[in-house]
Amino acid sequence: SLSKPILNLGISIRTVDEALSKKLNMEQGLYVVEVNAFSPAEKAGVKAGDLIVKVDGQRVKTFDELKEIKNSKNDGDTITLEVIRDGKTKTLDVTLTSE
């Protein structure tokens, strides 16, 4: 079978697990440490410090859960990220591209 290109969001993330979420008093999710310049995430308005809690309406708490959703997509598809920023929930549409 043809290998699929790896679709790029352009973010570095750290998992906020149960222990960390209690310590930091924030929800579990994927904390955006860094957003690459000119990446799909940057174009969509994702910022460092955002906490990704849902992808395409599905609750995500681990990198693998994000990867699974991402791997079901094709080049040019859009995924919807629900992030918490400054205590408010924002929805961002990211168009995935293969690098």
C-alpha atoms as a PDB file:
ATOM      1  CA  SER A   1       0.000   0.000   0.000  1.00  0.00           C
ATOM      2  CA  LEU A   2       1.116   3.525  -0.624  1.00  0.00           C
ATOM      3  CA  SER A   3       2.407   5.223   2.460  1.00  0.00           C
ATOM      4  CA  LYS A   4       0.488   8.359   3.277  1.00  0.00           C
ATOM      5  CA  PRO A   5       2.378  11.593   3.596  1.00  0.00           C
ATOM      6  CA  ILE A   6       2.675  12.793   7.153  1.00  0.00           C
ATOM      7  CA  LEU A   7       0.336  15.698   7.547  1.00  0.00           C
ATOM      8  CA  ASN A   8       1.794  18.580   9.360  1.00  0.00           C
ATOM      9  CA  LEU A   9       0.171  20.832  11.934  1.00  0.00           C
ATOM     10  CA  GLY A  10       3.398  22.592  12.786  1.00  0.00           C
ATOM     11  CA  ILE A  11       3.193  22.534  16.567  1.00  0.00           C
ATOM     12  CA  SER A  12       5.218  21.153  19.440  1.00  0.00           C
ATOM     13  CA  ILE A  13       3.022  19.902  22.244  1.00  0.00           C
ATOM     14  CA  ARG A  14       3.276  18.673  25.785  1.00  0.00           C
ATOM     15  CA  THR A  15       0.642  16.370  27.212  1.00  0.00           C
ATOM     16  CA  VAL A  16      -1.129  17.723  30.280  1.00  0.00           C
ATOM     17  CA  ASP A  17      -1.992  14.497  32.073  1.00  0.00           C
ATOM     18  CA  GLU A  18      -4.107  14.080  35.175  1.00  0.00           C
ATOM     19  CA  ALA A  19      -1.285  14.825  37.632  1.00  0.00           C
ATOM     20  CA  LEU A  20      -0.130  17.905  35.744  1.00  0.00           C
ATOM     21  CA  SER A  21      -3.671  19.162  35.268  1.00  0.00           C
ATOM     22  CA  LYS A  22      -4.248  19.057  39.029  1.00  0.00           C
ATOM     23  CA  LYS A  23      -0.942  20.764  39.729  1.00  0.00           C
ATOM     24  CA  LEU A  24      -1.498  23.526  37.168  1.00  0.00           C
ATOM     25  CA  ASN A  25      -5.233  23.742  37.778  1.00  0.00           C
ATOM     26  CA  MET A  26      -6.009  23.341  34.084  1.00  0.00           C
ATOM     27  CA  GLU A  27      -7.855  20.788  32.031  1.00  0.00           C
ATOM     28  CA  GLN A  28      -6.197  17.718  30.608  1.00  0.00           C
ATOM     29  CA  GLY A  29      -5.243  18.135  27.003  1.00  0.00           C
ATOM     30  CA  LEU A  30      -2.404  18.982  24.668  1.00  0.00           C
ATOM     31  CA  TYR A  31      -0.505  22.119  25.603  1.00  0.00           C
ATOM     32  CA  VAL A  32       0.988  23.975  22.653  1.00  0.00           C
ATOM     33  CA  VAL A  33       4.606  24.738  23.531  1.00  0.00           C
ATOM     34  CA  GLU A  34       5.598  26.147  20.179  1.00  0.00           C
ATOM     35  CA  VAL A  35       4.030  27.007  16.833  1.00  0.00           C
ATOM     36  CA  ASN A  36       6.251  26.859  13.783  1.00  0.00           C
ATOM     37  CA  ALA A  37       6.401  29.916  11.562  1.00  0.00           C
ATOM     38  CA  PHE A  38       4.340  29.638   8.344  1.00  0.00           C
ATOM     39  CA  SER A  39       2.840  26.333   9.497  1.00  0.00           C
ATOM     40  CA  PRO A  40      -0.818  25.348   9.020  1.00  0.00           C
ATOM     41  CA  ALA A  41      -1.358  25.888  12.748  1.00  0.00           C
ATOM     42  CA  GLU A  42       0.069  29.403  12.634  1.00  0.00           C
ATOM     43  CA  LYS A  43      -2.070  30.280   9.615  1.00  0.00           C
ATOM     44  CA  ALA A  44      -5.121  29.051  11.546  1.00  0.00           C
ATOM     45  CA  GLY A  45      -4.252  31.254  14.508  1.00  0.00           C
ATOM     46  CA  VAL A  46      -3.007  28.631  16.956  1.00  0.00           C
ATOM     47  CA  LYS A  47      -0.773  30.241  19.574  1.00  0.00           C
ATOM     48  CA  ALA A  48       1.800  28.936  22.050  1.00  0.00           C
ATOM     49  CA  GLY A  49       0.029  28.503  25.365  1.00  0.00           C
ATOM     50  CA  ASP A  50      -3.179  27.182  23.799  1.00  0.00           C
ATOM     51  CA  LEU A  51      -4.522  23.982  25.314  1.00  0.00           C
ATOM     52  CA  ILE A  52      -6.047  21.665  22.710  1.00  0.00           C
ATOM     53  CA  VAL A  53      -8.992  19.828  24.257  1.00  0.00           C
ATOM     54  CA  LYS A  54     -10.953  18.651  21.219  1.00  0.00           C
ATOM     55  CA  VAL A  55     -10.151  17.703  17.654  1.00  0.00           C
ATOM     56  CA  ASP A  56     -13.061  17.413  15.237  1.00  0.00           C
ATOM     57  CA  GLY A  57     -15.403  17.363  18.219  1.00  0.00           C
ATOM     58  CA  GLN A  58     -13.616  14.451  19.906  1.00  0.00           C
ATOM     59  CA  ARG A  59     -12.095  14.924  23.339  1.00  0.00           C
ATOM     60  CA  VAL A  60      -8.327  14.454  23.133  1.00  0.00           C
ATOM     61  CA  LYS A  61      -5.975  13.986  26.052  1.00  0.00           C
ATOM     62  CA  THR A  62      -3.014  12.255  24.429  1.00  0.00           C
ATOM     63  CA  PHE A  63      -0.747  12.800  21.478  1.00  0.00           C
ATOM     64  CA  ASP A  64      -1.791   9.399  20.111  1.00  0.00           C
ATOM     65  CA  GLU A  65      -5.437  10.458  20.047  1.00  0.00           C
ATOM     66  CA  LEU A  66      -4.506  13.550  18.064  1.00  0.00           C
ATOM     67  CA  LYS A  67      -2.308  11.504  15.744  1.00  0.00           C
ATOM     68  CA  GLU A  68      -5.074   8.989  15.109  1.00  0.00           C
ATOM     69  CA  ILE A  69      -7.485  11.702  13.974  1.00  0.00           C
ATOM     70  CA  LYS A  70      -4.791  13.411  11.935  1.00  0.00           C
ATOM     71  CA  ASN A  71      -3.816  10.145  10.229  1.00  0.00           C
ATOM     72  CA  SER A  72      -7.388   9.634   9.025  1.00  0.00           C
ATOM     73  CA  LYS A  73      -7.125  12.841   6.989  1.00  0.00           C
ATOM     74  CA  ASN A  74      -5.720  13.681   3.603  1.00  0.00           C
ATOM     75  CA  ASP A  75      -3.617  16.547   2.307  1.00  0.00           C
ATOM     76  CA  GLY A  76      -5.797  19.645   2.121  1.00  0.00           C
ATOM     77  CA  ASP A  77      -8.374  18.395   4.650  1.00  0.00           C
ATOM     78  CA  THR A  78      -9.367  20.650   7.498  1.00  0.00           C
ATOM     79  CA  ILE A  79      -9.457  19.675  11.147  1.00  0.00           C
ATOM     80  CA  THR A  80     -11.186  21.688  13.822  1.00  0.00           C
ATOM     81  CA  LEU A  81      -9.261  22.286  17.007  1.00  0.00           C
ATOM     82  CA  GLU A  82     -11.027  23.398  20.143  1.00  0.00           C
ATOM     83  CA  VAL A  83      -8.548  25.200  22.365  1.00  0.00           C
ATOM     84  CA  ILE A  84      -8.663  26.916  25.701  1.00  0.00           C
ATOM     85  CA  ARG A  85      -6.888  30.271  25.668  1.00  0.00           C
ATOM     86  CA  ASP A  86      -6.998  32.696  28.580  1.00  0.00           C
ATOM     87  CA  GLY A  87      -9.861  30.735  30.106  1.00  0.00           C
ATOM     88  CA  LYS A  88     -11.995  31.003  26.964  1.00  0.00           C
ATOM     89  CA  THR A  89     -12.768  28.316  24.430  1.00  0.00           C
ATOM     90  CA  LYS A  90     -11.855  29.033  20.827  1.00  0.00           C
ATOM     91  CA  THR A  91     -12.448  26.967  17.707  1.00  0.00           C
ATOM     92  CA  LEU A  92      -9.771  27.018  15.016  1.00  0.00           C
ATOM     93  CA  ASP A  93      -9.900  25.351  11.607  1.00  0.00           C
ATOM     94  CA  VAL A  94      -6.535  24.046  10.469  1.00  0.00           C
ATOM     95  CA  THR A  95      -5.973  22.973   6.874  1.00  0.00           C
ATOM     96  CA  LEU A  96      -3.504  20.093   6.873  1.00  0.00           C
ATOM     97  CA  THR A  97      -0.649  20.017   4.439  1.00  0.00           C
ATOM     98  CA  SER A  98       2.065  17.460   3.862  1.00  0.00           C
ATOM     99  CA  GLU A  99       5.559  18.830   4.051  1.00  0.00           C
END
